[in-house]
Amino acid sequence: MTTSTSHDFGTETIGKLLIKQAVPASIGILVMSLNILVDTIFVGHWIGSQAIAAINVVLPVSFFIAALGMSIGIGGSSIISRALGSKEVPKALKTFGNQITMTLLLTVVLVFFGLFYIDGIIPAFGGKGTIFEPAKIYYRIVLYGVPFLALSMMGNTVIRAEGKPKFAMYAMMIPSVSNLVLDVLFINVMDLGMTGAAWATTGSYVLCFLFIFWFFISKHSEMKISCPHFKLQKSIVSEISNLGLVTLSRQAIVSVTYLLMNNILFDLGGETSVTAYAIVSRMLMFALFPIYGITQGFVPIAGYNYGAHNYDRVKQTIRIAIIYAMVMASLIFILLIGFPGLITRMFTTDPLVIEKTPTAMRWVFAATPIIAIQLVGSAYFQAVGKAVPALLLTLSRQGFFFIPLIFILPLWYGELGVWMAFPVSDVLSTLLTAYVLYGEVSTKLISKT
């Protein structure tokens, strides 16, 4: 069996290459998303619907800290892909070493402050009333495992940059499967409640880290670094930070969105509405897995060929990625618009939640068929090292459009206005991305060939 390497990015047929990259990424995201779904189902049925809301309160805080690792990983992997494409292996190795150092320093510091200010952070993110205590239990334990998650997310992007999508897929599957097994053990068998749910999550993060650590010290990895590579280099740190800021800003906006949504929905509809949002947000993570997989597979291919000045291949990659992603998005749209009630009943038996969630789900996914353009378009600019347009396009969907809309639309439509903000912001951000991406492809890439 032929071993995949980064060199394949510049030679293999784009359609075949994108499938080779996207399928493992999609499977990994699917398994991870299924883990989140099943974990939520277990928690909802074994602990209660309040526990679902409690976990939803904690997620934006823990994921923001962990997203530092993803941000550093994606920013550094863009450099690594382009360095490998232009045969600058020493730069790729130095970049990887700097990624590890930056991830460790930043996440450990943020976890310390996150634990120190625990009683203020949880209510700020919507952990009020009966949600506060279970959220606090879950938050404290999960934060212990966040540095391991951050290192895993960082390492996973580097594995993709090496052209090893199957190992990246395995890295995503391990915590997903182990979390479910530990959920059954700690929650159902040992009856540890929220404490068990939290330790199951933290344990899965550690197991994922151990697998990624093994990969990089094994013969499978090209990235053989040594102690000098860990010393921070200003130019590399700056480039990682500029590109990683795109991903970090995206996650920061996601965290702010959770904060605002939990508080606005609590005021408009109480704990039932917060729980409905928790279910819908789980479906957002799960249902879009093929699109996210295609986007992840797209990034190293575009970055490598851009670094190698193969601009025709870059344009071809953009076109094929958008087509594949739009087809998958349309299928997802049909499924979710058709069966929202059935999906809701998988999570809870609470009649109030079952009544409210289907309407929310239909609105949230109403513009799904077109969001492929927005996701692939913003990912392109990050892949080729253009931080400013990547940042602006990434922030457009939630930062420029969605957040203002969740304040404006409820003035006329109440809680329904919150759900209406989803498709409106999707349409506006997609139009903006299409305009900017068309300008790039029709002028900048042509002028360089």
Protein backbone atom coordinates (compact mmCIF):
# COMPACT_ATOMS: atom_id res chain seq x y z
CA MET A 1 0.00 0.00 0.00
CA THR A 2 1.36 3.41 -1.01
CA THR A 3 1.95 5.81 1.86
CA SER A 4 0.40 9.25 1.48
CA THR A 5 2.73 12.23 1.76
CA SER A 6 2.43 15.99 1.41
CA HIS A 7 3.85 15.71 -2.15
CA ASP A 8 0.55 14.16 -3.32
CA PHE A 9 -1.10 17.58 -2.90
CA GLY A 10 0.73 18.83 -5.97
CA THR A 11 0.33 15.84 -8.27
CA GLU A 12 -2.84 13.82 -7.67
CA THR A 13 -6.17 14.58 -9.40
CA ILE A 14 -8.01 17.29 -7.43
CA GLY A 15 -11.36 15.46 -7.21
CA LYS A 16 -9.73 12.25 -6.01
CA LEU A 17 -7.39 14.14 -3.69
CA LEU A 18 -10.21 16.14 -2.12
CA ILE A 19 -12.21 12.98 -1.50
CA LYS A 20 -9.14 11.30 0.02
CA GLN A 21 -8.70 14.25 2.37
CA ALA A 22 -12.35 15.04 3.03
CA VAL A 23 -13.72 11.55 3.71
CA PRO A 24 -11.46 10.80 6.71
CA ALA A 25 -12.01 14.36 7.98
CA SER A 26 -15.78 13.95 7.61
CA ILE A 27 -15.74 10.57 9.34
CA GLY A 28 -13.70 12.00 12.18
CA ILE A 29 -16.06 14.95 12.56
CA LEU A 30 -19.06 12.62 12.27
CA VAL A 31 -17.81 10.37 15.06
CA MET A 32 -16.95 13.39 17.20
CA SER A 33 -20.36 14.92 16.52
CA LEU A 34 -22.13 11.64 17.21
CA ASN A 35 -20.25 11.55 20.48
CA ILE A 36 -21.60 14.99 21.35
CA LEU A 37 -25.10 13.94 20.33
CA VAL A 38 -25.10 10.63 22.18
CA ASP A 39 -23.41 12.23 25.16
CA THR A 40 -26.22 14.79 25.23
CA ILE A 41 -28.83 12.03 24.91
CA PHE A 42 -27.23 10.07 27.77
CA VAL A 43 -27.06 13.16 29.96
CA GLY A 44 -30.63 14.17 29.11
CA HIS A 45 -32.12 10.76 29.90
CA TRP A 46 -29.83 9.68 32.78
CA ILE A 47 -29.40 13.03 34.56
CA GLY A 48 -32.15 15.33 33.21
CA SER A 49 -32.86 18.12 30.72
CA GLN A 50 -31.32 20.68 33.10
CA ALA A 51 -27.99 18.91 32.65
CA ILE A 52 -28.15 19.50 28.88
CA ALA A 53 -28.51 23.22 29.49
CA ALA A 54 -25.68 23.12 32.06
CA ILE A 55 -23.25 21.54 29.58
CA ASN A 56 -24.27 24.09 26.95
CA VAL A 57 -23.29 26.86 29.36
CA VAL A 58 -19.83 25.38 29.93
CA LEU A 59 -18.99 24.53 26.30
CA PRO A 60 -18.18 28.04 25.07
CA VAL A 61 -15.69 28.64 27.88
CA SER A 62 -13.85 25.33 27.60
CA PHE A 63 -13.98 25.33 23.80
CA PHE A 64 -12.61 28.87 23.61
CA ILE A 65 -9.54 27.89 25.61
CA ALA A 66 -9.16 24.69 23.60
CA ALA A 67 -9.65 26.74 20.42
CA LEU A 68 -6.33 28.41 21.16
CA GLY A 69 -4.78 25.07 20.24
CA MET A 70 -6.87 24.84 17.07
CA SER A 71 -6.01 28.43 16.18
CA ILE A 72 -2.31 27.88 16.66
CA GLY A 73 -2.64 24.58 14.78
CA ILE A 74 -4.45 26.02 11.77
CA GLY A 75 -2.27 29.14 11.65
CA GLY A 76 0.90 27.05 11.86
CA SER A 77 -0.38 24.39 9.48
CA SER A 78 -0.97 27.02 6.81
CA ILE A 79 2.73 27.90 7.14
CA ILE A 80 3.72 24.21 7.17
CA SER A 81 1.67 23.40 4.03
CA ARG A 82 3.18 26.29 2.11
CA ALA A 83 6.69 25.52 3.42
CA LEU A 84 6.40 21.89 2.34
CA GLY A 85 5.08 23.03 -1.03
CA SER A 86 8.13 25.27 -1.53
CA LYS A 87 10.54 22.61 -0.10
CA GLU A 88 11.38 24.64 3.06
CA VAL A 89 11.40 21.70 5.50
CA PRO A 90 13.42 23.46 8.28
CA LYS A 91 10.81 26.21 8.44
CA ALA A 92 8.05 23.60 8.73
CA LEU A 93 9.83 21.90 11.66
CA LYS A 94 10.50 25.17 13.47
CA THR A 95 6.88 26.15 13.03
CA PHE A 96 5.66 22.90 14.59
CA GLY A 97 7.94 23.30 17.61
CA ASN A 98 6.73 26.86 18.14
CA GLN A 99 3.12 25.67 17.90
CA ILE A 100 3.63 23.26 20.80
CA THR A 101 5.28 25.89 23.01
CA MET A 102 2.61 28.50 22.32
CA THR A 103 -0.26 26.08 22.95
CA LEU A 104 1.10 24.94 26.30
CA LEU A 105 1.87 28.41 27.62
CA LEU A 106 -1.43 30.01 26.65
CA THR A 107 -3.84 27.24 27.61
CA VAL A 108 -2.35 26.57 31.05
CA VAL A 109 -2.54 30.27 31.93
CA LEU A 110 -6.15 30.57 30.73
CA VAL A 111 -7.23 27.43 32.58
CA PHE A 112 -5.80 28.89 35.80
CA PHE A 113 -7.80 32.11 35.39
CA GLY A 114 -10.86 30.17 34.26
CA LEU A 115 -10.88 28.19 37.49
CA PHE A 116 -10.10 31.23 39.65
CA TYR A 117 -13.11 33.20 38.34
CA ILE A 118 -15.49 30.23 38.14
CA ASP A 119 -18.35 31.80 40.14
CA GLY A 120 -18.49 34.83 37.87
CA ILE A 121 -17.99 33.11 34.53
CA ILE A 122 -20.80 30.55 34.79
CA PRO A 123 -23.67 33.01 35.42
CA ALA A 124 -22.28 35.31 32.71
CA PHE A 125 -22.69 32.48 30.18
CA GLY A 126 -26.28 31.77 31.18
CA GLY A 127 -25.71 29.37 34.08
CA LYS A 128 -28.45 30.82 36.25
CA GLY A 129 -31.14 29.41 38.50
CA THR A 130 -31.18 25.64 38.71
CA ILE A 131 -28.59 25.42 35.93
CA PHE A 132 -25.78 26.95 38.04
CA GLU A 133 -24.79 24.04 40.30
CA PRO A 134 -24.59 21.27 37.65
CA ALA A 135 -22.78 23.69 35.33
CA LYS A 136 -20.19 24.46 38.04
CA ILE A 137 -19.53 20.75 38.68
CA TYR A 138 -19.06 20.06 34.97
CA TYR A 139 -16.99 23.19 34.31
CA ARG A 140 -14.39 22.62 37.01
CA ILE A 141 -13.54 19.06 35.98
CA VAL A 142 -13.63 19.62 32.22
CA LEU A 143 -11.21 22.54 32.46
CA TYR A 144 -8.55 20.19 33.86
CA GLY A 145 -8.57 18.36 30.54
CA VAL A 146 -8.68 21.42 28.26
CA PRO A 147 -4.88 21.73 27.78
CA PHE A 148 -4.84 18.13 26.51
CA LEU A 149 -7.71 18.97 24.14
CA ALA A 150 -5.89 22.09 22.91
CA LEU A 151 -2.70 20.14 22.19
CA SER A 152 -4.75 17.49 20.41
CA MET A 153 -6.56 20.03 18.24
CA MET A 154 -3.27 21.67 17.36
CA GLY A 155 -1.58 18.36 16.53
CA ASN A 156 -4.51 17.18 14.44
CA THR A 157 -4.15 20.06 11.98
CA VAL A 158 -0.43 19.35 11.61
CA ILE A 159 -1.19 15.71 10.81
CA ARG A 160 -3.45 16.92 7.98
CA ALA A 161 -0.74 19.28 6.74
CA GLU A 162 1.55 16.25 6.45
CA GLY A 163 -0.97 14.55 4.17
CA LYS A 164 -2.02 11.91 6.72
CA PRO A 165 -5.83 12.35 6.89
CA LYS A 166 -6.51 8.83 8.18
CA PHE A 167 -4.40 9.36 11.29
CA ALA A 168 -6.16 12.70 11.84
CA MET A 169 -9.45 10.79 11.58
CA TYR A 170 -8.30 8.23 14.16
CA ALA A 171 -7.31 11.07 16.49
CA MET A 172 -10.84 12.44 16.34
CA MET A 173 -12.49 9.04 16.76
CA ILE A 174 -10.57 7.99 19.89
CA PRO A 175 -11.97 10.63 22.27
CA SER A 176 -15.43 10.24 20.80
CA VAL A 177 -15.65 6.50 21.35
CA SER A 178 -13.89 6.61 24.72
CA ASN A 179 -16.18 9.37 25.97
CA LEU A 180 -19.26 7.26 25.28
CA VAL A 181 -17.76 4.23 27.00
CA LEU A 182 -16.78 6.34 30.01
CA ASP A 183 -20.25 7.94 30.03
CA VAL A 184 -21.87 4.53 30.42
CA LEU A 185 -19.39 3.58 33.14
CA PHE A 186 -19.41 6.80 35.17
CA ILE A 187 -23.02 7.96 34.72
CA ASN A 188 -25.07 4.80 34.28
CA VAL A 189 -23.06 2.13 36.11
CA MET A 190 -21.39 4.19 38.86
CA ASP A 191 -24.22 6.76 39.08
CA LEU A 192 -21.84 9.75 39.38
CA GLY A 193 -24.20 12.20 37.65
CA MET A 194 -22.64 15.42 36.35
CA THR A 195 -19.32 14.51 37.95
CA GLY A 196 -19.24 11.33 35.91
CA ALA A 197 -20.14 13.16 32.70
CA ALA A 198 -17.32 15.63 33.30
CA TRP A 199 -14.66 13.00 34.05
CA ALA A 200 -15.73 11.02 30.98
CA THR A 201 -15.11 14.10 28.84
CA THR A 202 -11.76 14.91 30.46
CA GLY A 203 -10.59 11.30 30.20
CA SER A 204 -11.39 11.27 26.48
CA TYR A 205 -9.26 14.40 25.96
CA VAL A 206 -6.27 12.73 27.62
CA LEU A 207 -6.59 9.59 25.49
CA CYS A 208 -6.71 11.69 22.32
CA PHE A 209 -3.55 13.52 23.34
CA LEU A 210 -1.73 10.25 24.01
CA PHE A 211 -2.54 8.99 20.50
CA ILE A 212 -1.34 12.20 18.82
CA PHE A 213 1.84 12.18 20.90
CA TRP A 214 2.47 8.59 19.75
CA PHE A 215 1.94 9.59 16.10
CA PHE A 216 4.58 12.30 16.16
CA ILE A 217 7.24 10.12 17.80
CA SER A 218 6.48 7.20 15.46
CA LYS A 219 7.80 6.50 11.97
CA HIS A 220 4.53 7.74 10.43
CA SER A 221 5.31 11.42 10.94
CA GLU A 222 7.61 13.60 8.81
CA MET A 223 7.78 16.24 11.55
CA LYS A 224 10.77 15.06 13.59
CA ILE A 225 11.53 17.98 15.86
CA SER A 226 14.16 18.46 18.57
CA CYS A 227 14.68 20.85 21.50
CA PRO A 228 15.87 23.87 19.45
CA HIS A 229 12.58 23.87 17.53
CA PHE A 230 10.64 24.65 20.73
CA LYS A 231 12.37 28.01 21.20
CA LEU A 232 10.00 30.73 20.08
CA GLN A 233 11.01 32.64 16.96
CA LYS A 234 9.44 36.07 16.60
CA SER A 235 8.71 35.92 12.87
CA ILE A 236 7.08 32.49 13.12
CA VAL A 237 5.08 33.38 16.23
CA SER A 238 3.86 36.51 14.47
CA GLU A 239 2.76 34.62 11.36
CA ILE A 240 1.08 31.86 13.39
CA SER A 241 -0.71 34.50 15.46
CA ASN A 242 -1.92 36.50 12.46
CA LEU A 243 -3.34 33.45 10.72
CA GLY A 244 -4.48 31.75 13.92
CA LEU A 245 -6.33 34.90 14.91
CA VAL A 246 -8.88 34.01 12.25
CA THR A 247 -9.80 30.72 13.94
CA LEU A 248 -9.53 32.18 17.43
CA SER A 249 -11.78 35.08 16.47
CA ARG A 250 -14.29 32.62 15.03
CA GLN A 251 -14.34 30.66 18.28
CA ALA A 252 -14.45 33.84 20.34
CA ILE A 253 -17.51 34.92 18.40
CA VAL A 254 -19.02 31.45 18.92
CA SER A 255 -18.42 31.79 22.67
CA VAL A 256 -19.92 35.29 22.72
CA THR A 257 -22.86 33.96 20.71
CA TYR A 258 -23.47 31.21 23.28
CA LEU A 259 -23.26 33.80 26.06
CA LEU A 260 -25.76 36.12 24.37
CA MET A 261 -28.09 33.36 23.18
CA ASN A 262 -28.27 31.67 26.58
CA ASN A 263 -29.05 34.96 28.30
CA ILE A 264 -31.49 36.29 25.68
CA LEU A 265 -33.37 32.98 25.46
CA PHE A 266 -33.44 32.66 29.27
CA ASP A 267 -35.10 36.07 29.46
CA LEU A 268 -37.55 35.33 26.63
CA GLY A 269 -38.48 31.71 27.35
CA GLY A 270 -36.70 30.52 30.49
CA GLU A 271 -34.79 27.29 30.93
CA THR A 272 -36.90 25.51 28.28
CA SER A 273 -35.63 27.84 25.57
CA VAL A 274 -32.02 27.43 26.72
CA THR A 275 -32.45 23.66 26.50
CA ALA A 276 -33.99 23.98 23.02
CA TYR A 277 -30.96 25.99 21.91
CA ALA A 278 -28.65 23.36 23.41
CA ILE A 279 -30.31 20.68 21.27
CA VAL A 280 -30.23 22.82 18.11
CA SER A 281 -26.57 23.72 18.67
CA ARG A 282 -25.73 20.01 18.98
CA MET A 283 -27.40 19.43 15.63
CA LEU A 284 -25.37 22.29 14.16
CA MET A 285 -22.22 20.47 15.24
CA PHE A 286 -23.45 17.13 13.98
CA ALA A 287 -25.43 17.75 10.80
CA LEU A 288 -22.82 19.84 9.00
CA PHE A 289 -20.05 17.27 9.41
CA PRO A 290 -19.63 16.56 5.64
CA ILE A 291 -19.26 20.26 4.89
CA TYR A 292 -16.71 20.78 7.64
CA GLY A 293 -14.89 17.66 6.44
CA ILE A 294 -14.69 18.99 2.89
CA THR A 295 -13.45 22.33 4.21
CA GLN A 296 -10.75 20.65 6.30
CA GLY A 297 -9.69 18.53 3.35
CA PHE A 298 -9.63 21.61 1.12
CA VAL A 299 -7.27 23.71 3.27
CA PRO A 300 -3.97 21.75 2.97
CA ILE A 301 -4.52 21.13 -0.76
CA ALA A 302 -5.09 24.82 -1.46
CA GLY A 303 -2.22 25.89 0.81
CA TYR A 304 0.30 23.44 -0.69
CA ASN A 305 -0.51 24.36 -4.30
CA TYR A 306 -0.52 28.06 -3.52
CA GLY A 307 2.95 27.68 -1.99
CA ALA A 308 4.06 25.75 -5.09
CA HIS A 309 2.54 28.45 -7.41
CA ASN A 310 0.15 25.92 -8.98
CA TYR A 311 -2.67 28.46 -9.22
CA ASP A 312 -4.77 26.51 -11.70
CA ARG A 313 -4.94 23.67 -9.16
CA VAL A 314 -5.91 26.16 -6.46
CA LYS A 315 -8.86 27.44 -8.52
CA GLN A 316 -9.90 23.91 -9.39
CA THR A 317 -9.79 22.95 -5.72
CA ILE A 318 -12.03 25.88 -4.78
CA ARG A 319 -14.60 25.01 -7.44
CA ILE A 320 -14.77 21.30 -6.66
CA ALA A 321 -14.88 21.87 -2.88
CA ILE A 322 -17.84 24.25 -3.20
CA ILE A 323 -19.74 21.86 -5.49
CA TYR A 324 -19.19 18.87 -3.19
CA ALA A 325 -20.10 20.86 -0.09
CA MET A 326 -23.28 22.35 -1.58
CA VAL A 327 -24.56 18.92 -2.61
CA MET A 328 -24.03 17.58 0.92
CA ALA A 329 -25.56 20.70 2.48
CA SER A 330 -28.72 20.29 0.40
CA LEU A 331 -29.16 16.69 1.56
CA ILE A 332 -28.73 17.77 5.19
CA PHE A 333 -31.29 20.54 4.69
CA ILE A 334 -33.93 18.08 3.43
CA LEU A 335 -33.39 15.73 6.38
CA LEU A 336 -33.53 18.36 9.12
CA ILE A 337 -36.44 20.34 7.71
CA GLY A 338 -38.42 17.11 7.32
CA PHE A 339 -37.95 15.47 10.73
CA PRO A 340 -37.28 18.07 13.49
CA GLY A 341 -39.81 16.60 15.92
CA LEU A 342 -38.37 13.10 15.70
CA ILE A 343 -34.84 14.46 16.19
CA THR A 344 -35.90 16.46 19.27
CA ARG A 345 -37.50 13.42 20.93
CA MET A 346 -34.16 11.62 20.70
CA PHE A 347 -32.77 14.06 23.26
CA THR A 348 -35.52 14.51 25.81
CA THR A 349 -38.99 13.52 26.97
CA ASP A 350 -39.74 17.02 28.31
CA PRO A 351 -43.01 18.04 26.54
CA LEU A 352 -42.23 21.77 26.65
CA VAL A 353 -38.84 21.25 24.99
CA ILE A 354 -40.37 18.88 22.41
CA GLU A 355 -42.98 21.53 21.56
CA LYS A 356 -40.53 24.42 21.17
CA THR A 357 -37.45 22.90 19.50
CA PRO A 358 -38.77 21.84 16.02
CA THR A 359 -39.71 25.42 15.05
CA ALA A 360 -36.29 26.62 16.15
CA MET A 361 -34.57 23.86 14.20
CA ARG A 362 -36.40 24.65 10.95
CA TRP A 363 -35.39 28.31 11.13
CA VAL A 364 -31.79 27.62 12.12
CA PHE A 365 -31.18 25.30 9.15
CA ALA A 366 -33.29 27.20 6.59
CA ALA A 367 -30.28 28.53 4.62
CA THR A 368 -28.07 25.45 4.95
CA PRO A 369 -27.73 24.71 1.17
CA ILE A 370 -25.73 27.90 0.52
CA ILE A 371 -23.38 28.07 3.52
CA ALA A 372 -20.77 25.93 1.71
CA ILE A 373 -19.73 29.04 -0.21
CA GLN A 374 -19.15 30.96 3.02
CA LEU A 375 -17.17 28.19 4.72
CA VAL A 376 -14.96 27.28 1.75
CA GLY A 377 -14.44 30.93 0.80
CA SER A 378 -13.20 32.03 4.22
CA ALA A 379 -11.08 28.86 4.53
CA TYR A 380 -9.34 29.65 1.21
CA PHE A 381 -7.92 32.96 2.44
CA GLN A 382 -6.67 31.32 5.62
CA ALA A 383 -5.09 28.47 3.65
CA VAL A 384 -3.07 30.84 1.45
CA GLY A 385 -1.93 33.05 4.31
CA LYS A 386 -4.16 36.10 3.71
CA ALA A 387 -5.12 36.85 7.28
CA VAL A 388 -7.15 40.05 6.86
CA PRO A 389 -9.81 38.84 4.37
CA ALA A 390 -9.90 35.48 6.16
CA LEU A 391 -10.59 37.24 9.45
CA LEU A 392 -13.25 39.56 8.04
CA LEU A 393 -15.10 36.80 6.21
CA THR A 394 -14.93 34.48 9.22
CA LEU A 395 -16.38 37.16 11.47
CA SER A 396 -19.04 38.24 8.99
CA ARG A 397 -21.55 35.47 9.63
CA GLN A 398 -21.86 35.72 13.41
CA GLY A 399 -20.03 38.92 14.30
CA PHE A 400 -21.23 41.38 11.66
CA PHE A 401 -24.70 39.97 10.99
CA PHE A 402 -25.95 37.39 13.52
CA ILE A 403 -25.20 39.15 16.82
CA PRO A 404 -26.85 42.45 15.81
CA LEU A 405 -29.85 40.53 14.45
CA ILE A 406 -30.54 38.65 17.70
CA PHE A 407 -31.01 42.03 19.36
CA ILE A 408 -33.02 43.64 16.54
CA LEU A 409 -35.42 40.90 15.35
CA PRO A 410 -36.82 39.95 18.81
CA LEU A 411 -38.10 43.54 19.13
CA TRP A 412 -40.75 42.63 16.52
CA TYR A 413 -40.95 38.83 16.63
CA GLY A 414 -40.03 37.92 20.20
CA GLU A 415 -38.26 34.58 20.65
CA LEU A 416 -39.02 33.67 17.02
CA GLY A 417 -36.82 36.60 15.99
CA VAL A 418 -33.83 34.92 17.64
CA TRP A 419 -34.28 31.84 15.45
CA MET A 420 -34.92 33.95 12.33
CA ALA A 421 -31.51 35.58 12.79
CA PHE A 422 -29.78 32.33 11.75
CA PRO A 423 -30.87 32.10 8.09
CA VAL A 424 -30.76 35.88 7.54
CA SER A 425 -27.13 36.05 8.70
CA ASP A 426 -26.28 32.95 6.62
CA VAL A 427 -27.60 34.58 3.44
CA LEU A 428 -25.89 37.93 4.05
CA SER A 429 -22.48 36.43 4.91
CA THR A 430 -22.63 34.05 1.93
CA LEU A 431 -23.30 36.91 -0.48
CA LEU A 432 -20.37 38.86 0.96
CA THR A 433 -18.02 35.86 0.77
CA ALA A 434 -19.04 35.03 -2.80
CA TYR A 435 -18.29 38.60 -3.87
CA VAL A 436 -14.83 38.68 -2.24
CA LEU A 437 -13.88 35.18 -3.39
CA TYR A 438 -14.93 35.90 -6.98
CA GLY A 439 -12.73 38.99 -6.98
CA GLU A 440 -9.76 36.96 -5.73
CA VAL A 441 -10.18 34.12 -8.22
CA SER A 442 -10.90 36.31 -11.24
CA THR A 443 -8.07 38.80 -10.67
CA LYS A 444 -5.35 37.84 -8.19
CA LEU A 445 -4.89 34.21 -9.17
CA ILE A 446 -5.04 34.90 -12.90
CA SER A 447 -2.50 37.71 -12.64
CA LYS A 448 0.02 35.40 -10.94
CA THR A 449 -0.10 32.61 -13.52
